[in-house]
Amino acid sequence: MSSPKPHGFEDRDEVRRLQRDLDEARRKQDSRDESYAQLIRTVAELKAEMAKLQPRLKDKE
């Protein structure tokens, strides 16, 4: 059986674990936010390209 930790150490370990989990969750969210922002930029670029091509398509009809 392991020796008990002095009072309060369990709480500090738990706080460190929760802080690590929170930091990891924030990193993942930041990554998702950046991916979403990139997706929005790509869609905007595609819409701009489509707007440029639209007159050409009408000319060919």
Protein backbone atom coordinates (compact mmCIF):
# COMPACT_ATOMS: atom_id res chain seq x y z
CA MET A 1 0.00 0.00 0.00
CA SER A 2 1.39 3.43 -0.88
CA SER A 3 1.92 5.93 1.85
CA PRO A 4 -0.73 8.65 2.01
CA LYS A 5 0.25 12.05 0.67
CA PRO A 6 0.23 15.02 3.00
CA HIS A 7 -3.07 16.86 3.07
CA GLY A 8 -3.65 19.02 -0.01
CA PHE A 9 -1.29 17.22 -2.39
CA GLU A 10 -4.12 15.26 -3.99
CA ASP A 11 -5.88 18.53 -4.73
CA ARG A 12 -2.77 20.05 -6.30
CA ASP A 13 -2.24 16.96 -8.44
CA GLU A 14 -5.87 17.12 -9.53
CA VAL A 15 -5.56 20.83 -10.34
CA ARG A 16 -2.42 20.16 -12.43
CA ARG A 17 -4.20 17.32 -14.26
CA LEU A 18 -7.24 19.48 -14.94
CA GLN A 19 -5.05 22.38 -16.11
CA ARG A 20 -3.22 20.02 -18.50
CA ASP A 21 -6.56 18.75 -19.81
CA LEU A 22 -7.80 22.32 -20.24
CA ASP A 23 -4.62 23.35 -22.09
CA GLU A 24 -4.98 20.36 -24.42
CA ALA A 25 -8.63 21.17 -25.08
CA ARG A 26 -7.69 24.78 -25.88
CA ARG A 27 -4.98 23.63 -28.32
CA LYS A 28 -7.48 21.36 -30.06
CA GLN A 29 -10.05 24.16 -30.23
CA ASP A 30 -7.47 26.57 -31.64
CA SER A 31 -6.62 23.98 -34.29
CA ARG A 32 -10.30 23.53 -35.18
CA ASP A 33 -10.79 27.30 -35.28
CA GLU A 34 -7.85 27.67 -37.69
CA SER A 35 -9.15 24.83 -39.87
CA TYR A 36 -12.58 26.46 -39.97
CA ALA A 37 -11.07 29.85 -40.84
CA GLN A 38 -9.08 28.21 -43.67
CA LEU A 39 -12.26 26.56 -44.95
CA ILE A 40 -14.05 29.92 -44.96
CA ARG A 41 -11.15 31.51 -46.89
CA THR A 42 -11.19 28.66 -49.42
CA VAL A 43 -14.95 28.96 -49.95
CA ALA A 44 -14.59 32.73 -50.43
CA GLU A 45 -11.84 32.15 -53.01
CA LEU A 46 -13.97 29.60 -54.86
CA LYS A 47 -16.95 31.96 -54.89
CA ALA A 48 -14.73 34.70 -56.33
CA GLU A 49 -13.50 32.31 -59.05
CA MET A 50 -17.07 31.27 -59.85
CA ALA A 51 -18.09 34.94 -60.14
CA LYS A 52 -15.25 35.49 -62.64
CA LEU A 53 -16.23 32.43 -64.69
CA GLN A 54 -19.98 33.06 -64.66
CA PRO A 55 -19.92 35.69 -67.48
CA ARG A 56 -17.86 33.35 -69.67
CA LEU A 57 -20.39 30.57 -69.23
CA LYS A 58 -23.23 32.89 -70.23
CA ASP A 59 -21.27 34.00 -73.33
CA LYS A 60 -20.94 30.38 -74.48
CA GLU A 61 -24.68 29.68 -74.22
